[in-house]
């Protein structure tokens, strides 16, 4: 592997890791109940009227 490819791979792996952490955080937030998400101000796609 050439030395020029290493920074590219590091950057790519960093972006992949950041995307995975973001995905996991969103899944954790979305697993909360609607009322809890509403209390913390997280926008919901839940369009049901109460």
PDB file of N, CA and C in Angstrom:
ATOM      1  N   UNK A   1       0.859  -1.180   0.000  1.00  0.00           N
ATOM      2  CA  UNK A   1       0.000   0.000   0.000  1.00  0.00           C
ATOM      3  C   UNK A   1       0.898   1.233   0.000  1.00  0.00           C
ATOM      4  N   UNK A   2       0.554   2.179  -0.811  1.00  0.00           N
ATOM      5  CA  UNK A   2       1.393   3.376  -0.906  1.00  0.00           C
ATOM      6  C   UNK A   2       1.143   4.305   0.276  1.00  0.00           C
ATOM      7  N   UNK A   3       2.101   5.131   0.547  1.00  0.00           N
ATOM      8  CA  UNK A   3       2.000   6.070   1.671  1.00  0.00           C
ATOM      9  C   UNK A   3       0.928   7.121   1.415  1.00  0.00           C
ATOM     10  N   UNK A   4       0.625   7.400   0.157  1.00  0.00           N
ATOM     11  CA  UNK A   4      -0.394   8.405  -0.166  1.00  0.00           C
ATOM     12  C   UNK A   4      -1.804   7.898   0.144  1.00  0.00           C
ATOM     13  N   UNK A   5      -1.985   6.598   0.149  1.00  0.00           N
ATOM     14  CA  UNK A   5      -3.313   6.021   0.388  1.00  0.00           C
ATOM     15  C   UNK A   5      -3.673   5.995   1.872  1.00  0.00           C
ATOM     16  N   UNK A   6      -2.683   6.000   2.744  1.00  0.00           N
ATOM     17  CA  UNK A   6      -2.960   5.897   4.182  1.00  0.00           C
ATOM     18  C   UNK A   6      -3.816   7.044   4.718  1.00  0.00           C
ATOM     19  N   UNK A   7      -3.513   8.313   4.416  1.00  0.00           N
ATOM     20  CA  UNK A   7      -4.378   9.391   4.916  1.00  0.00           C
ATOM     21  C   UNK A   7      -5.807   9.294   4.372  1.00  0.00           C
ATOM     22  N   UNK A   8      -5.936   8.850   3.120  1.00  0.00           N
ATOM     23  CA  UNK A   8      -7.274   8.682   2.541  1.00  0.00           C
ATOM     24  C   UNK A   8      -8.059   7.616   3.282  1.00  0.00           C
ATOM     25  N   UNK A   9      -7.399   6.511   3.590  1.00  0.00           N
ATOM     26  CA  UNK A   9      -8.073   5.429   4.321  1.00  0.00           C
ATOM     27  C   UNK A   9      -8.423   5.849   5.743  1.00  0.00           C
ATOM     28  N   UNK A  10      -7.530   6.608   6.381  1.00  0.00           N
ATOM     29  CA  UNK A  10      -7.824   7.099   7.727  1.00  0.00           C
ATOM     30  C   UNK A  10      -9.021   8.024   7.710  1.00  0.00           C
ATOM     31  N   UNK A  11      -9.077   8.908   6.728  1.00  0.00           N
ATOM     32  CA  UNK A  11     -10.209   9.828   6.614  1.00  0.00           C
ATOM     33  C   UNK A  11     -11.507   9.088   6.355  1.00  0.00           C
ATOM     34  N   UNK A  12     -11.450   8.099   5.490  1.00  0.00           N
ATOM     35  CA  UNK A  12     -12.638   7.310   5.173  1.00  0.00           C
ATOM     36  C   UNK A  12     -13.108   6.525   6.395  1.00  0.00           C
ATOM     37  N   UNK A  13     -12.181   5.896   7.092  1.00  0.00           N
ATOM     38  CA  UNK A  13     -12.569   5.117   8.266  1.00  0.00           C
ATOM     39  C   UNK A  13     -13.116   6.030   9.364  1.00  0.00           C
ATOM     40  N   UNK A  14     -12.587   7.230   9.478  1.00  0.00           N
ATOM     41  CA  UNK A  14     -13.109   8.187  10.464  1.00  0.00           C
ATOM     42  C   UNK A  14     -14.528   8.606  10.140  1.00  0.00           C
ATOM     43  N   UNK A  15     -14.798   8.851   8.849  1.00  0.00           N
ATOM     44  CA  UNK A  15     -16.160   9.225   8.443  1.00  0.00           C
ATOM     45  C   UNK A  15     -17.131   8.078   8.649  1.00  0.00           C
ATOM     46  N   UNK A  16     -16.697   6.856   8.362  1.00  0.00           N
ATOM     47  CA  UNK A  16     -17.553   5.690   8.572  1.00  0.00           C
ATOM     48  C   UNK A  16     -17.860   5.527  10.054  1.00  0.00           C
ATOM     49  N   UNK A  17     -16.855   5.673  10.906  1.00  0.00           N
ATOM     50  CA  UNK A  17     -17.059   5.544  12.352  1.00  0.00           C
ATOM     51  C   UNK A  17     -18.005   6.631  12.870  1.00  0.00           C
ATOM     52  N   UNK A  18     -17.847   7.856  12.387  1.00  0.00           N
ATOM     53  CA  UNK A  18     -18.719   8.950  12.818  1.00  0.00           C
ATOM     54  C   UNK A  18     -20.161   8.710  12.364  1.00  0.00           C
ATOM     55  N   UNK A  19     -20.328   8.216  11.142  1.00  0.00           N
ATOM     56  CA  UNK A  19     -21.675   7.913  10.646  1.00  0.00           C
ATOM     57  C   UNK A  19     -22.320   6.809  11.471  1.00  0.00           C
ATOM     58  N   UNK A  20     -21.532   5.803  11.853  1.00  0.00           N
ATOM     59  CA  UNK A  20     -22.064   4.709  12.665  1.00  0.00           C
ATOM     60  C   UNK A  20     -22.468   5.205  14.058  1.00  0.00           C
ATOM     61  N   UNK A  21     -21.651   6.064  14.667  1.00  0.00           N
ATOM     62  CA  UNK A  21     -22.010   6.619  15.978  1.00  0.00           C
ATOM     63  C   UNK A  21     -23.274   7.460  15.881  1.00  0.00           C
ATOM     64  N   UNK A  22     -23.407   8.238  14.807  1.00  0.00           N
ATOM     65  CA  UNK A  22     -24.604   9.043  14.602  1.00  0.00           C
ATOM     66  C   UNK A  22     -25.829   8.142  14.419  1.00  0.00           C
ATOM     67  N   UNK A  23     -25.680   7.089  13.654  1.00  0.00           N
ATOM     68  CA  UNK A  23     -26.767   6.135  13.437  1.00  0.00           C
ATOM     69  C   UNK A  23     -27.211   5.503  14.753  1.00  0.00           C
ATOM     70  N   UNK A  24     -26.258   5.092  15.569  1.00  0.00           N
ATOM     71  CA  UNK A  24     -26.587   4.459  16.852  1.00  0.00           C
ATOM     72  C   UNK A  24     -27.268   5.449  17.794  1.00  0.00           C
ATOM     73  N   UNK A  25     -26.798   6.702  17.812  1.00  0.00           N
ATOM     74  CA  UNK A  25     -27.399   7.715  18.678  1.00  0.00           C
ATOM     75  C   UNK A  25     -28.839   8.002  18.251  1.00  0.00           C
ATOM     76  N   UNK A  26     -29.075   8.086  16.945  1.00  0.00           N
ATOM     77  CA  UNK A  26     -30.436   8.315  16.467  1.00  0.00           C
ATOM     78  C   UNK A  26     -31.345   7.138  16.798  1.00  0.00           C
ATOM     79  N   UNK A  27     -30.849   5.932  16.662  1.00  0.00           N
ATOM     80  CA  UNK A  27     -31.658   4.757  17.016  1.00  0.00           C
ATOM     81  C   UNK A  27     -31.996   4.752  18.495  1.00  0.00           C
ATOM     82  N   UNK A  28     -31.052   5.165  19.321  1.00  0.00           N
ATOM     83  CA  UNK A  28     -31.300   5.218  20.759  1.00  0.00           C
ATOM     84  C   UNK A  28     -32.367   6.266  21.085  1.00  0.00           C
ATOM     85  N   UNK A  29     -32.263   7.434  20.447  1.00  0.00           N
ATOM     86  CA  UNK A  29     -33.277   8.472  20.667  1.00  0.00           C
ATOM     87  C   UNK A  29     -34.644   8.028  20.169  1.00  0.00           C
ATOM     88  N   UNK A  30     -34.681   7.382  19.016  1.00  0.00           N
ATOM     89  CA  UNK A  30     -35.950   6.955  18.450  1.00  0.00           C
ATOM     90  C   UNK A  30     -36.578   5.812  19.228  1.00  0.00           C
ATOM     91  N   UNK A  31     -35.799   5.133  20.056  1.00  0.00           N
ATOM     92  CA  UNK A  31     -36.361   4.055  20.855  1.00  0.00           C
ATOM     93  C   UNK A  31     -37.081   4.583  22.099  1.00  0.00           C
ATOM     94  N   UNK A  32     -36.883   5.872  22.402  1.00  0.00           N
ATOM     95  CA  UNK A  32     -37.597   6.474  23.527  1.00  0.00           C
ATOM     96  C   UNK A  32     -39.069   6.635  23.174  1.00  0.00           C
ATOM     97  N   UNK A  33     -39.892   6.724  24.174  1.00  0.00           N
ATOM     98  CA  UNK A  33     -41.317   6.923  23.923  1.00  0.00           C
ATOM     99  C   UNK A  33     -41.549   8.304  23.315  1.00  0.00           C
ATOM    100  N   UNK A  34     -42.693   8.447  22.665  1.00  0.00           N
ATOM    101  CA  UNK A  34     -43.035   9.721  22.024  1.00  0.00           C
ATOM    102  C   UNK A  34     -43.026  10.855  23.042  1.00  0.00           C
ATOM    103  N   UNK A  35     -43.599  10.610  24.214  1.00  0.00           N
ATOM    104  CA  UNK A  35     -43.669  11.665  25.227  1.00  0.00           C
ATOM    105  C   UNK A  35     -42.290  12.081  25.726  1.00  0.00           C
ATOM    106  N   UNK A  36     -41.392  11.125  25.896  1.00  0.00           N
ATOM    107  CA  UNK A  36     -40.038  11.472  26.343  1.00  0.00           C
ATOM    108  C   UNK A  36     -39.308  12.276  25.274  1.00  0.00           C
ATOM    109  N   UNK A  37     -39.460  11.872  23.999  1.00  0.00           N
ATOM    110  CA  UNK A  37     -38.821  12.637  22.924  1.00  0.00           C
ATOM    111  C   UNK A  37     -39.393  14.045  22.858  1.00  0.00           C
ATOM    112  N   UNK A  38     -40.692  14.169  23.065  1.00  0.00           N
ATOM    113  CA  UNK A  38     -41.326  15.482  23.033  1.00  0.00           C
ATOM    114  C   UNK A  38     -40.792  16.350  24.163  1.00  0.00           C
ATOM    115  N   UNK A  39     -40.591  15.762  25.337  1.00  0.00           N
ATOM    116  CA  UNK A  39     -40.091  16.505  26.495  1.00  0.00           C
ATOM    117  C   UNK A  39     -38.685  17.057  26.275  1.00  0.00           C
ATOM    118  N   UNK A  40     -37.844  16.321  25.557  1.00  0.00           N
ATOM    119  CA  UNK A  40     -36.476  16.799  25.344  1.00  0.00           C
ATOM    120  C   UNK A  40     -36.356  17.621  24.067  1.00  0.00           C
ATOM    121  N   UNK A  41     -37.443  17.762  23.316  1.00  0.00           N
ATOM    122  CA  UNK A  41     -37.441  18.608  22.134  1.00  0.00           C
ATOM    123  C   UNK A  41     -36.966  17.928  20.875  1.00  0.00           C
ATOM    124  N   UNK A  42     -36.917  16.609  20.856  1.00  0.00           N
ATOM    125  CA  UNK A  42     -36.503  15.865  19.673  1.00  0.00           C
ATOM    126  C   UNK A  42     -37.667  15.823  18.697  1.00  0.00           C
ATOM    127  N   UNK A  43     -37.441  16.286  17.479  1.00  0.00           N
ATOM    128  CA  UNK A  43     -38.512  16.285  16.491  1.00  0.00           C
ATOM    129  C   UNK A  43     -38.857  14.866  16.103  1.00  0.00           C
ATOM    130  N   UNK A  44     -40.134  14.623  16.002  1.00  0.00           N
ATOM    131  CA  UNK A  44     -40.604  13.290  15.691  1.00  0.00           C
ATOM    132  C   UNK A  44     -41.314  13.285  14.354  1.00  0.00           C
ATOM    133  N   UNK A  45     -41.236  12.155  13.685  1.00  0.00           N
ATOM    134  CA  UNK A  45     -41.989  11.994  12.441  1.00  0.00           C
ATOM    135  C   UNK A  45     -43.366  11.430  12.732  1.00  0.00           C
ATOM    136  N   UNK A  46     -43.655  11.248  14.007  1.00  0.00           N
ATOM    137  CA  UNK A  46     -44.945  10.725  14.403  1.00  0.00           C
ATOM    138  C   UNK A  46     -46.008  11.812  14.169  1.00  0.00           C
ATOM    139  N   UNK A  47     -46.926  11.569  13.247  1.00  0.00           N
ATOM    140  CA  UNK A  47     -47.913  12.578  12.888  1.00  0.00           C
ATOM    141  C   UNK A  47     -49.290  12.290  13.492  1.00  0.00           C
ATOM    142  N   UNK A  48     -49.347  11.313  14.383  1.00  0.00           N
ATOM    143  CA  UNK A  48     -50.626  11.007  15.017  1.00  0.00           C
ATOM    144  C   UNK A  48     -51.068  12.175  15.874  1.00  0.00           C
ATOM    145  N   UNK A  49     -52.351  12.442  15.846  1.00  0.00           N
ATOM    146  CA  UNK A  49     -52.908  13.506  16.704  1.00  0.00           C
ATOM    147  C   UNK A  49     -53.355  12.893  18.004  1.00  0.00           C
ATOM    148  N   UNK A  50     -53.148  13.611  19.071  1.00  0.00           N
ATOM    149  CA  UNK A  50     -53.558  13.118  20.395  1.00  0.00           C
ATOM    150  C   UNK A  50     -54.683  13.954  20.917  1.00  0.00           C
TER     151      UNK A  50
END
